[in-house]
């Protein structure tokens, strides 16, 4: 009998504007102020299953500069605008540590 890690279904909200980029496997990362899951967990959004492959801590400024494409944005400035629009009280703070969730879309055969 294996005592492997239990994988859980988690809930991660996404803006509807990211649907096409997630379905096209362009947006493969999401930064959050806290962890929403761990590697091996999965979530459903826009009718698709996504598996979390990695969760790490990074500075928000590094995400904006190095990973904006994986975040589904067109430029670092676009990422900063999206973040500030969601976190309007605090805004974009480059030195803020965030939990970065990397994920992949799972193709489910019927």
PDB file of N, CA and C in Angstrom:
ATOM      1  N   UNK A   1       0.842  -1.191   0.000  1.00  0.00           N
ATOM      2  CA  UNK A   1       0.000   0.000   0.000  1.00  0.00           C
ATOM      3  C   UNK A   1       0.880   1.245   0.000  1.00  0.00           C
ATOM      4  N   UNK A   2       0.586   2.162  -0.896  1.00  0.00           N
ATOM      5  CA  UNK A   2       1.364   3.390  -1.010  1.00  0.00           C
ATOM      6  C   UNK A   2       0.735   4.492  -0.165  1.00  0.00           C
ATOM      7  N   UNK A   3       1.591   5.243   0.498  1.00  0.00           N
ATOM      8  CA  UNK A   3       1.113   6.375   1.293  1.00  0.00           C
ATOM      9  C   UNK A   3       1.459   7.680   0.572  1.00  0.00           C
ATOM     10  N   UNK A   4       1.138   7.761  -0.707  1.00  0.00           N
ATOM     11  CA  UNK A   4       1.439   8.933  -1.527  1.00  0.00           C
ATOM     12  C   UNK A   4       0.678  10.154  -1.058  1.00  0.00           C
ATOM     13  N   UNK A   5       1.068  11.273  -1.591  1.00  0.00           N
ATOM     14  CA  UNK A   5       0.418  12.542  -1.266  1.00  0.00           C
ATOM     15  C   UNK A   5      -0.973  12.561  -1.886  1.00  0.00           C
ATOM     16  N   UNK A   6      -1.942  12.960  -1.086  1.00  0.00           N
ATOM     17  CA  UNK A   6      -3.305  13.081  -1.593  1.00  0.00           C
ATOM     18  C   UNK A   6      -3.409  14.338  -2.447  1.00  0.00           C
ATOM     19  N   UNK A   7      -3.984  14.185  -3.612  1.00  0.00           N
ATOM     20  CA  UNK A   7      -4.200  15.325  -4.488  1.00  0.00           C
ATOM     21  C   UNK A   7      -5.613  15.844  -4.270  1.00  0.00           C
ATOM     22  N   UNK A   8      -5.729  17.144  -4.235  1.00  0.00           N
ATOM     23  CA  UNK A   8      -7.014  17.749  -3.930  1.00  0.00           C
ATOM     24  C   UNK A   8      -7.491  18.616  -5.081  1.00  0.00           C
ATOM     25  N   UNK A   9      -8.806  18.745  -5.161  1.00  0.00           N
ATOM     26  CA  UNK A   9      -9.381  19.735  -6.064  1.00  0.00           C
ATOM     27  C   UNK A   9      -9.450  21.048  -5.298  1.00  0.00           C
ATOM     28  N   UNK A  10      -8.899  22.091  -5.885  1.00  0.00           N
ATOM     29  CA  UNK A  10      -8.879  23.405  -5.249  1.00  0.00           C
ATOM     30  C   UNK A  10      -9.634  24.395  -6.129  1.00  0.00           C
ATOM     31  N   UNK A  11      -9.966  25.516  -5.580  1.00  0.00           N
ATOM     32  CA  UNK A  11     -10.665  26.580  -6.308  1.00  0.00           C
ATOM     33  C   UNK A  11      -9.709  27.753  -6.484  1.00  0.00           C
ATOM     34  N   UNK A  12      -9.506  28.151  -7.727  1.00  0.00           N
ATOM     35  CA  UNK A  12      -8.710  29.339  -8.033  1.00  0.00           C
ATOM     36  C   UNK A  12      -9.533  30.181  -9.000  1.00  0.00           C
ATOM     37  N   UNK A  13      -9.899  31.381  -8.598  1.00  0.00           N
ATOM     38  CA  UNK A  13     -10.685  32.225  -9.501  1.00  0.00           C
ATOM     39  C   UNK A  13      -9.800  32.868 -10.574  1.00  0.00           C
ATOM     40  N   UNK A  14     -10.354  33.020 -11.776  1.00  0.00           N
ATOM     41  CA  UNK A  14      -9.665  33.669 -12.885  1.00  0.00           C
ATOM     42  C   UNK A  14     -10.603  34.646 -13.566  1.00  0.00           C
ATOM     43  N   UNK A  15     -10.036  35.727 -14.059  1.00  0.00           N
ATOM     44  CA  UNK A  15     -10.818  36.691 -14.825  1.00  0.00           C
ATOM     45  C   UNK A  15     -11.190  36.058 -16.161  1.00  0.00           C
ATOM     46  N   UNK A  16     -12.400  36.312 -16.630  1.00  0.00           N
ATOM     47  CA  UNK A  16     -12.861  35.721 -17.884  1.00  0.00           C
ATOM     48  C   UNK A  16     -11.997  36.155 -19.070  1.00  0.00           C
ATOM     49  N   UNK A  17     -11.320  37.275 -18.956  1.00  0.00           N
ATOM     50  CA  UNK A  17     -10.459  37.744 -20.049  1.00  0.00           C
ATOM     51  C   UNK A  17      -9.266  36.814 -20.293  1.00  0.00           C
ATOM     52  N   UNK A  18      -8.979  35.925 -19.359  1.00  0.00           N
ATOM     53  CA  UNK A  18      -7.873  34.985 -19.527  1.00  0.00           C
ATOM     54  C   UNK A  18      -8.304  33.649 -20.132  1.00  0.00           C
ATOM     55  N   UNK A  19      -9.585  33.483 -20.405  1.00  0.00           N
ATOM     56  CA  UNK A  19     -10.087  32.198 -20.898  1.00  0.00           C
ATOM     57  C   UNK A  19      -9.344  31.720 -22.150  1.00  0.00           C
ATOM     58  N   UNK A  20      -9.278  32.550 -23.176  1.00  0.00           N
ATOM     59  CA  UNK A  20      -8.653  32.125 -24.439  1.00  0.00           C
ATOM     60  C   UNK A  20      -7.181  31.768 -24.250  1.00  0.00           C
ATOM     61  N   UNK A  21      -6.462  32.531 -23.462  1.00  0.00           N
ATOM     62  CA  UNK A  21      -5.039  32.249 -23.261  1.00  0.00           C
ATOM     63  C   UNK A  21      -4.830  30.979 -22.436  1.00  0.00           C
ATOM     64  N   UNK A  22      -5.752  30.677 -21.551  1.00  0.00           N
ATOM     65  CA  UNK A  22      -5.653  29.416 -20.798  1.00  0.00           C
ATOM     66  C   UNK A  22      -6.000  28.235 -21.693  1.00  0.00           C
ATOM     67  N   UNK A  23      -7.009  28.395 -22.534  1.00  0.00           N
ATOM     68  CA  UNK A  23      -7.392  27.319 -23.450  1.00  0.00           C
ATOM     69  C   UNK A  23      -6.331  27.070 -24.522  1.00  0.00           C
ATOM     70  N   UNK A  24      -5.546  28.097 -24.841  1.00  0.00           N
ATOM     71  CA  UNK A  24      -4.477  27.968 -25.835  1.00  0.00           C
ATOM     72  C   UNK A  24      -3.137  27.596 -25.192  1.00  0.00           C
ATOM     73  N   UNK A  25      -3.153  27.332 -23.899  1.00  0.00           N
ATOM     74  CA  UNK A  25      -1.947  26.952 -23.143  1.00  0.00           C
ATOM     75  C   UNK A  25      -0.873  28.036 -23.180  1.00  0.00           C
ATOM     76  N   UNK A  26      -1.304  29.286 -23.247  1.00  0.00           N
ATOM     77  CA  UNK A  26      -0.382  30.423 -23.174  1.00  0.00           C
ATOM     78  C   UNK A  26      -0.251  30.868 -21.719  1.00  0.00           C
ATOM     79  N   UNK A  27      -1.382  31.054 -21.057  1.00  0.00           N
ATOM     80  CA  UNK A  27      -1.354  31.389 -19.628  1.00  0.00           C
ATOM     81  C   UNK A  27      -1.196  30.091 -18.854  1.00  0.00           C
ATOM     82  N   UNK A  28      -0.037  29.923 -18.260  1.00  0.00           N
ATOM     83  CA  UNK A  28       0.294  28.691 -17.538  1.00  0.00           C
ATOM     84  C   UNK A  28       0.753  28.977 -16.117  1.00  0.00           C
ATOM     85  N   UNK A  29       0.487  30.191 -15.647  1.00  0.00           N
ATOM     86  CA  UNK A  29       0.978  30.613 -14.338  1.00  0.00           C
ATOM     87  C   UNK A  29       0.024  31.641 -13.756  1.00  0.00           C
ATOM     88  N   UNK A  30      -0.106  31.606 -12.434  1.00  0.00           N
ATOM     89  CA  UNK A  30      -0.879  32.647 -11.766  1.00  0.00           C
ATOM     90  C   UNK A  30      -0.223  32.975 -10.433  1.00  0.00           C
ATOM     91  N   UNK A  31      -0.068  34.253 -10.178  1.00  0.00           N
ATOM     92  CA  UNK A  31       0.530  34.732  -8.931  1.00  0.00           C
ATOM     93  C   UNK A  31      -0.574  35.170  -7.993  1.00  0.00           C
ATOM     94  N   UNK A  32      -0.433  34.773  -6.757  1.00  0.00           N
ATOM     95  CA  UNK A  32      -1.450  35.076  -5.744  1.00  0.00           C
ATOM     96  C   UNK A  32      -0.774  35.534  -4.459  1.00  0.00           C
ATOM     97  N   UNK A  33      -1.554  36.193  -3.600  1.00  0.00           N
ATOM     98  CA  UNK A  33      -1.009  36.655  -2.328  1.00  0.00           C
ATOM     99  C   UNK A  33      -0.870  35.529  -1.316  1.00  0.00           C
ATOM    100  N   UNK A  34      -1.467  34.368  -1.632  1.00  0.00           N
ATOM    101  CA  UNK A  34      -1.353  33.190  -0.764  1.00  0.00           C
ATOM    102  C   UNK A  34      -1.406  31.941  -1.631  1.00  0.00           C
ATOM    103  N   UNK A  35      -1.059  30.823  -1.051  1.00  0.00           N
ATOM    104  CA  UNK A  35      -1.126  29.555  -1.783  1.00  0.00           C
ATOM    105  C   UNK A  35      -2.572  29.106  -1.926  1.00  0.00           C
ATOM    106  N   UNK A  36      -2.910  28.658  -3.103  1.00  0.00           N
ATOM    107  CA  UNK A  36      -4.240  28.112  -3.365  1.00  0.00           C
ATOM    108  C   UNK A  36      -4.195  26.600  -3.502  1.00  0.00           C
ATOM    109  N   UNK A  37      -3.020  26.029  -3.527  1.00  0.00           N
ATOM    110  CA  UNK A  37      -2.876  24.587  -3.674  1.00  0.00           C
ATOM    111  C   UNK A  37      -1.413  24.231  -3.654  1.00  0.00           C
ATOM    112  N   UNK A  38      -1.143  22.988  -3.983  1.00  0.00           N
ATOM    113  CA  UNK A  38       0.228  22.504  -4.018  1.00  0.00           C
ATOM    114  C   UNK A  38       0.397  21.626  -5.254  1.00  0.00           C
ATOM    115  N   UNK A  39       1.631  21.334  -5.633  1.00  0.00           N
ATOM    116  CA  UNK A  39       1.828  20.473  -6.800  1.00  0.00           C
ATOM    117  C   UNK A  39       1.051  19.163  -6.658  1.00  0.00           C
ATOM    118  N   UNK A  40       0.381  18.789  -7.725  1.00  0.00           N
ATOM    119  CA  UNK A  40      -0.457  17.591  -7.712  1.00  0.00           C
ATOM    120  C   UNK A  40      -1.930  17.909  -7.550  1.00  0.00           C
ATOM    121  N   UNK A  41      -2.249  19.062  -6.969  1.00  0.00           N
ATOM    122  CA  UNK A  41      -3.643  19.480  -6.863  1.00  0.00           C
ATOM    123  C   UNK A  41      -4.137  19.906  -8.247  1.00  0.00           C
ATOM    124  N   UNK A  42      -5.447  19.989  -8.389  1.00  0.00           N
ATOM    125  CA  UNK A  42      -6.026  20.405  -9.664  1.00  0.00           C
ATOM    126  C   UNK A  42      -7.206  21.334  -9.422  1.00  0.00           C
ATOM    127  N   UNK A  43      -7.571  22.051 -10.487  1.00  0.00           N
ATOM    128  CA  UNK A  43      -8.732  22.930 -10.420  1.00  0.00           C
ATOM    129  C   UNK A  43      -9.430  22.906 -11.772  1.00  0.00           C
ATOM    130  N   UNK A  44     -10.695  23.285 -11.764  1.00  0.00           N
ATOM    131  CA  UNK A  44     -11.494  23.376 -12.974  1.00  0.00           C
ATOM    132  C   UNK A  44     -11.887  24.832 -13.186  1.00  0.00           C
ATOM    133  N   UNK A  45     -11.699  25.294 -14.417  1.00  0.00           N
ATOM    134  CA  UNK A  45     -12.123  26.642 -14.782  1.00  0.00           C
ATOM    135  C   UNK A  45     -12.376  26.648 -16.287  1.00  0.00           C
ATOM    136  N   UNK A  46     -13.398  27.360 -16.706  1.00  0.00           N
ATOM    137  CA  UNK A  46     -13.774  27.477 -18.120  1.00  0.00           C
ATOM    138  C   UNK A  46     -14.011  26.103 -18.754  1.00  0.00           C
ATOM    139  N   UNK A  47     -14.475  25.148 -17.970  1.00  0.00           N
ATOM    140  CA  UNK A  47     -14.787  23.819 -18.486  1.00  0.00           C
ATOM    141  C   UNK A  47     -13.586  22.919 -18.698  1.00  0.00           C
ATOM    142  N   UNK A  48     -12.433  23.302 -18.175  1.00  0.00           N
ATOM    143  CA  UNK A  48     -11.214  22.517 -18.343  1.00  0.00           C
ATOM    144  C   UNK A  48     -10.604  22.186 -16.986  1.00  0.00           C
ATOM    145  N   UNK A  49      -9.869  21.083 -16.971  1.00  0.00           N
ATOM    146  CA  UNK A  49      -9.106  20.726 -15.776  1.00  0.00           C
ATOM    147  C   UNK A  49      -7.668  21.199 -15.965  1.00  0.00           C
ATOM    148  N   UNK A  50      -7.107  21.745 -14.895  1.00  0.00           N
ATOM    149  CA  UNK A  50      -5.717  22.184 -14.862  1.00  0.00           C
ATOM    150  C   UNK A  50      -5.050  21.551 -13.641  1.00  0.00           C
ATOM    151  N   UNK A  51      -3.855  21.024 -13.841  1.00  0.00           N
ATOM    152  CA  UNK A  51      -3.073  20.453 -12.744  1.00  0.00           C
ATOM    153  C   UNK A  51      -2.000  21.446 -12.324  1.00  0.00           C
ATOM    154  N   UNK A  52      -1.862  21.660 -11.025  1.00  0.00           N
ATOM    155  CA  UNK A  52      -0.789  22.507 -10.499  1.00  0.00           C
ATOM    156  C   UNK A  52       0.499  21.692 -10.508  1.00  0.00           C
ATOM    157  N   UNK A  53       1.526  22.236 -11.146  1.00  0.00           N
ATOM    158  CA  UNK A  53       2.795  21.515 -11.256  1.00  0.00           C
ATOM    159  C   UNK A  53       3.872  22.059 -10.324  1.00  0.00           C
ATOM    160  N   UNK A  54       3.729  23.322  -9.906  1.00  0.00           N
ATOM    161  CA  UNK A  54       4.740  23.924  -9.038  1.00  0.00           C
ATOM    162  C   UNK A  54       4.123  25.116  -8.318  1.00  0.00           C
ATOM    163  N   UNK A  55       4.557  25.332  -7.085  1.00  0.00           N
ATOM    164  CA  UNK A  55       4.176  26.527  -6.328  1.00  0.00           C
ATOM    165  C   UNK A  55       5.444  27.039  -5.647  1.00  0.00           C
ATOM    166  N   UNK A  56       5.832  28.256  -5.984  1.00  0.00           N
ATOM    167  CA  UNK A  56       7.046  28.853  -5.424  1.00  0.00           C
ATOM    168  C   UNK A  56       6.764  30.289  -5.008  1.00  0.00           C
ATOM    169  N   UNK A  57       7.643  30.819  -4.183  1.00  0.00           N
ATOM    170  CA  UNK A  57       7.548  32.218  -3.785  1.00  0.00           C
ATOM    171  C   UNK A  57       8.507  33.041  -4.627  1.00  0.00           C
ATOM    172  N   UNK A  58       8.004  34.155  -5.156  1.00  0.00           N
ATOM    173  CA  UNK A  58       8.812  35.095  -5.942  1.00  0.00           C
ATOM    174  C   UNK A  58       8.409  36.508  -5.566  1.00  0.00           C
ATOM    175  N   UNK A  59       9.247  37.449  -5.945  1.00  0.00           N
ATOM    176  CA  UNK A  59       8.873  38.845  -5.804  1.00  0.00           C
ATOM    177  C   UNK A  59       7.993  39.236  -6.980  1.00  0.00           C
ATOM    178  N   UNK A  60       6.981  40.018  -6.703  1.00  0.00           N
ATOM    179  CA  UNK A  60       6.024  40.416  -7.731  1.00  0.00           C
ATOM    180  C   UNK A  60       6.708  41.115  -8.913  1.00  0.00           C
ATOM    181  N   UNK A  61       7.710  41.922  -8.640  1.00  0.00           N
ATOM    182  CA  UNK A  61       8.434  42.599  -9.711  1.00  0.00           C
ATOM    183  C   UNK A  61       9.137  41.621 -10.640  1.00  0.00           C
ATOM    184  N   UNK A  62       9.677  40.526 -10.082  1.00  0.00           N
ATOM    185  CA  UNK A  62      10.315  39.506 -10.913  1.00  0.00           C
ATOM    186  C   UNK A  62       9.294  38.812 -11.810  1.00  0.00           C
ATOM    187  N   UNK A  63       8.111  38.552 -11.262  1.00  0.00           N
ATOM    188  CA  UNK A  63       7.052  37.935 -12.069  1.00  0.00           C
ATOM    189  C   UNK A  63       6.709  38.852 -13.242  1.00  0.00           C
ATOM    190  N   UNK A  64       6.531  40.135 -12.956  1.00  0.00           N
ATOM    191  CA  UNK A  64       6.154  41.095 -14.006  1.00  0.00           C
ATOM    192  C   UNK A  64       7.214  41.164 -15.099  1.00  0.00           C
ATOM    193  N   UNK A  65       8.466  41.163 -14.733  1.00  0.00           N
ATOM    194  CA  UNK A  65       9.542  41.334 -15.709  1.00  0.00           C
ATOM    195  C   UNK A  65       9.891  40.049 -16.460  1.00  0.00           C
ATOM    196  N   UNK A  66       9.817  38.903 -15.785  1.00  0.00           N
ATOM    197  CA  UNK A  66      10.308  37.655 -16.377  1.00  0.00           C
ATOM    198  C   UNK A  66       9.215  36.691 -16.839  1.00  0.00           C
ATOM    199  N   UNK A  67       8.023  36.791 -16.260  1.00  0.00           N
ATOM    200  CA  UNK A  67       7.001  35.771 -16.499  1.00  0.00           C
ATOM    201  C   UNK A  67       5.661  36.338 -16.955  1.00  0.00           C
ATOM    202  N   UNK A  68       5.649  37.556 -17.468  1.00  0.00           N
ATOM    203  CA  UNK A  68       4.377  38.177 -17.854  1.00  0.00           C
ATOM    204  C   UNK A  68       3.658  37.378 -18.935  1.00  0.00           C
ATOM    205  N   UNK A  69       4.393  36.742 -19.849  1.00  0.00           N
ATOM    206  CA  UNK A  69       3.739  35.955 -20.902  1.00  0.00           C
ATOM    207  C   UNK A  69       3.036  34.743 -20.292  1.00  0.00           C
ATOM    208  N   UNK A  70       3.738  34.020 -19.406  1.00  0.00           N
ATOM    209  CA  UNK A  70       3.126  32.863 -18.746  1.00  0.00           C
ATOM    210  C   UNK A  70       1.940  33.286 -17.881  1.00  0.00           C
ATOM    211  N   UNK A  71       1.911  34.547 -17.467  1.00  0.00           N
ATOM    212  CA  UNK A  71       0.788  35.087 -16.693  1.00  0.00           C
ATOM    213  C   UNK A  71      -0.364  35.513 -17.603  1.00  0.00           C
ATOM    214  N   UNK A  72      -0.175  35.385 -18.922  1.00  0.00           N
ATOM    215  CA  UNK A  72      -1.233  35.725 -19.867  1.00  0.00           C
ATOM    216  C   UNK A  72      -1.268  37.182 -20.263  1.00  0.00           C
ATOM    217  N   UNK A  73      -0.183  37.901 -20.019  1.00  0.00           N
ATOM    218  CA  UNK A  73      -0.140  39.330 -20.330  1.00  0.00           C
ATOM    219  C   UNK A  73       0.770  39.589 -21.530  1.00  0.00           C
ATOM    220  N   UNK A  74       0.594  40.760 -22.127  1.00  0.00           N
ATOM    221  CA  UNK A  74       1.331  41.118 -23.333  1.00  0.00           C
ATOM    222  C   UNK A  74       2.650  41.833 -23.053  1.00  0.00           C
ATOM    223  N   UNK A  75       2.809  42.351 -21.840  1.00  0.00           N
ATOM    224  CA  UNK A  75       4.013  43.099 -21.481  1.00  0.00           C
ATOM    225  C   UNK A  75       4.098  43.179 -19.958  1.00  0.00           C
ATOM    226  N   UNK A  76       5.261  43.547 -19.425  1.00  0.00           N
ATOM    227  CA  UNK A  76       5.342  43.768 -17.975  1.00  0.00           C
ATOM    228  C   UNK A  76       4.346  44.821 -17.501  1.00  0.00           C
ATOM    229  N   UNK A  77       4.171  45.879 -18.300  1.00  0.00           N
ATOM    230  CA  UNK A  77       3.232  46.941 -17.919  1.00  0.00           C
ATOM    231  C   UNK A  77       1.791  46.416 -17.874  1.00  0.00           C
ATOM    232  N   UNK A  78       1.425  45.579 -18.821  1.00  0.00           N
ATOM    233  CA  UNK A  78       0.092  44.975 -18.825  1.00  0.00           C
ATOM    234  C   UNK A  78      -0.123  44.153 -17.557  1.00  0.00           C
ATOM    235  N   UNK A  79       0.886  43.343 -17.189  1.00  0.00           N
ATOM    236  CA  UNK A  79       0.772  42.557 -15.958  1.00  0.00           C
ATOM    237  C   UNK A  79       0.567  43.475 -14.747  1.00  0.00           C
ATOM    238  N   UNK A  80       1.343  44.539 -14.676  1.00  0.00           N
ATOM    239  CA  UNK A  80       1.227  45.482 -13.551  1.00  0.00           C
ATOM    240  C   UNK A  80      -0.164  46.101 -13.496  1.00  0.00           C
ATOM    241  N   UNK A  81      -0.718  46.431 -14.661  1.00  0.00           N
ATOM    242  CA  UNK A  81      -2.069  47.008 -14.709  1.00  0.00           C
ATOM    243  C   UNK A  81      -3.115  46.005 -14.249  1.00  0.00           C
ATOM    244  N   UNK A  82      -2.995  44.765 -14.697  1.00  0.00           N
ATOM    245  CA  UNK A  82      -3.948  43.730 -14.281  1.00  0.00           C
ATOM    246  C   UNK A  82      -3.863  43.545 -12.769  1.00  0.00           C
ATOM    247  N   UNK A  83      -2.650  43.430 -12.242  1.00  0.00           N
ATOM    248  CA  UNK A  83      -2.471  43.224 -10.800  1.00  0.00           C
ATOM    249  C   UNK A  83      -3.070  44.393 -10.015  1.00  0.00           C
ATOM    250  N   UNK A  84      -2.745  45.609 -10.412  1.00  0.00           N
ATOM    251  CA  UNK A  84      -3.246  46.793  -9.705  1.00  0.00           C
ATOM    252  C   UNK A  84      -4.761  46.885  -9.790  1.00  0.00           C
ATOM    253  N   UNK A  85      -5.348  46.435 -10.892  1.00  0.00           N
ATOM    254  CA  UNK A  85      -6.798  46.451 -11.031  1.00  0.00           C
ATOM    255  C   UNK A  85      -7.492  45.472 -10.100  1.00  0.00           C
ATOM    256  N   UNK A  86      -6.829  44.374  -9.808  1.00  0.00           N
ATOM    257  CA  UNK A  86      -7.388  43.369  -8.893  1.00  0.00           C
ATOM    258  C   UNK A  86      -7.114  43.755  -7.446  1.00  0.00           C
ATOM    259  N   UNK A  87      -5.930  44.278  -7.184  1.00  0.00           N
ATOM    260  CA  UNK A  87      -5.490  44.625  -5.830  1.00  0.00           C
ATOM    261  C   UNK A  87      -5.445  46.148  -5.696  1.00  0.00           C
ATOM    262  N   UNK A  88      -6.595  46.769  -5.887  1.00  0.00           N
ATOM    263  CA  UNK A  88      -6.662  48.229  -5.963  1.00  0.00           C
ATOM    264  C   UNK A  88      -6.308  48.924  -4.657  1.00  0.00           C
ATOM    265  N   UNK A  89      -6.450  48.261  -3.513  1.00  0.00           N
ATOM    266  CA  UNK A  89      -6.095  48.907  -2.239  1.00  0.00           C
ATOM    267  C   UNK A  89      -4.590  49.064  -2.090  1.00  0.00           C
ATOM    268  N   UNK A  90      -3.843  48.011  -2.414  1.00  0.00           N
ATOM    269  CA  UNK A  90      -2.388  48.030  -2.248  1.00  0.00           C
ATOM    270  C   UNK A  90      -1.671  48.368  -3.546  1.00  0.00           C
ATOM    271  N   UNK A  91      -2.270  47.997  -4.678  1.00  0.00           N
ATOM    272  CA  UNK A  91      -1.646  48.240  -5.964  1.00  0.00           C
ATOM    273  C   UNK A  91      -0.500  47.284  -6.239  1.00  0.00           C
ATOM    274  N   UNK A  92       0.305  47.618  -7.216  1.00  0.00           N
ATOM    275  CA  UNK A  92       1.458  46.804  -7.589  1.00  0.00           C
ATOM    276  C   UNK A  92       2.660  47.255  -6.772  1.00  0.00           C
ATOM    277  N   UNK A  93       3.207  46.327  -5.996  1.00  0.00           N
ATOM    278  CA  UNK A  93       4.399  46.596  -5.186  1.00  0.00           C
ATOM    279  C   UNK A  93       5.450  45.570  -5.588  1.00  0.00           C
ATOM    280  N   UNK A  94       6.468  46.001  -6.308  1.00  0.00           N
ATOM    281  CA  UNK A  94       7.461  45.081  -6.878  1.00  0.00           C
ATOM    282  C   UNK A  94       8.124  44.192  -5.829  1.00  0.00           C
ATOM    283  N   UNK A  95       8.307  44.690  -4.615  1.00  0.00           N
ATOM    284  CA  UNK A  95       8.999  43.933  -3.567  1.00  0.00           C
ATOM    285  C   UNK A  95       8.087  42.952  -2.823  1.00  0.00           C
ATOM    286  N   UNK A  96       6.810  42.919  -3.174  1.00  0.00           N
ATOM    287  CA  UNK A  96       5.869  42.037  -2.483  1.00  0.00           C
ATOM    288  C   UNK A  96       6.133  40.583  -2.851  1.00  0.00           C
ATOM    289  N   UNK A  97       6.323  39.708  -1.854  1.00  0.00           N
ATOM    290  CA  UNK A  97       6.437  38.283  -2.175  1.00  0.00           C
ATOM    291  C   UNK A  97       5.057  37.709  -2.504  1.00  0.00           C
ATOM    292  N   UNK A  98       5.005  36.895  -3.542  1.00  0.00           N
ATOM    293  CA  UNK A  98       3.754  36.258  -3.951  1.00  0.00           C
ATOM    294  C   UNK A  98       4.000  34.769  -4.151  1.00  0.00           C
ATOM    295  N   UNK A  99       2.919  34.002  -4.111  1.00  0.00           N
ATOM    296  CA  UNK A  99       2.979  32.567  -4.367  1.00  0.00           C
ATOM    297  C   UNK A  99       2.614  32.358  -5.838  1.00  0.00           C
ATOM    298  N   UNK A 100       3.547  31.815  -6.592  1.00  0.00           N
ATOM    299  CA  UNK A 100       3.376  31.622  -8.022  1.00  0.00           C
ATOM    300  C   UNK A 100       3.006  30.163  -8.283  1.00  0.00           C
ATOM    301  N   UNK A 101       1.846  29.958  -8.872  1.00  0.00           N
ATOM    302  CA  UNK A 101       1.326  28.627  -9.181  1.00  0.00           C
ATOM    303  C   UNK A 101       1.504  28.375 -10.680  1.00  0.00           C
ATOM    304  N   UNK A 102       2.268  27.368 -11.032  1.00  0.00           N
ATOM    305  CA  UNK A 102       2.413  26.956 -12.420  1.00  0.00           C
ATOM    306  C   UNK A 102       1.460  25.790 -12.643  1.00  0.00           C
ATOM    307  N   UNK A 103       0.799  25.785 -13.796  1.00  0.00           N
ATOM    308  CA  UNK A 103      -0.201  24.749 -14.052  1.00  0.00           C
ATOM    309  C   UNK A 103      -0.181  24.342 -15.520  1.00  0.00           C
ATOM    310  N   UNK A 104      -0.807  23.215 -15.793  1.00  0.00           N
ATOM    311  CA  UNK A 104      -0.952  22.750 -17.177  1.00  0.00           C
ATOM    312  C   UNK A 104      -2.378  22.259 -17.370  1.00  0.00           C
ATOM    313  N   UNK A 105      -2.886  22.521 -18.559  1.00  0.00           N
ATOM    314  CA  UNK A 105      -4.234  22.065 -18.908  1.00  0.00           C
ATOM    315  C   UNK A 105      -4.178  20.573 -19.197  1.00  0.00           C
ATOM    316  N   UNK A 106      -5.151  19.861 -18.679  1.00  0.00           N
ATOM    317  CA  UNK A 106      -5.230  18.410 -18.869  1.00  0.00           C
ATOM    318  C   UNK A 106      -6.263  18.116 -19.942  1.00  0.00           C
ATOM    319  N   UNK A 107      -5.848  17.420 -20.973  1.00  0.00           N
ATOM    320  CA  UNK A 107      -6.789  17.016 -22.015  1.00  0.00           C
ATOM    321  C   UNK A 107      -7.447  15.733 -21.562  1.00  0.00           C
ATOM    322  N   UNK A 108      -8.756  15.787 -21.424  1.00  0.00           N
ATOM    323  CA  UNK A 108      -9.522  14.632 -20.955  1.00  0.00           C
ATOM    324  C   UNK A 108     -10.147  13.958 -22.153  1.00  0.00           C
ATOM    325  N   UNK A 109      -9.779  12.694 -22.348  1.00  0.00           N
ATOM    326  CA  UNK A 109     -10.342  11.931 -23.466  1.00  0.00           C
ATOM    327  C   UNK A 109     -11.736  11.470 -23.120  1.00  0.00           C
ATOM    328  N   UNK A 110     -12.611  11.501 -24.121  1.00  0.00           N
ATOM    329  CA  UNK A 110     -14.002  11.092 -23.896  1.00  0.00           C
ATOM    330  C   UNK A 110     -14.262   9.761 -24.540  1.00  0.00           C
TER     331      UNK A 110
END
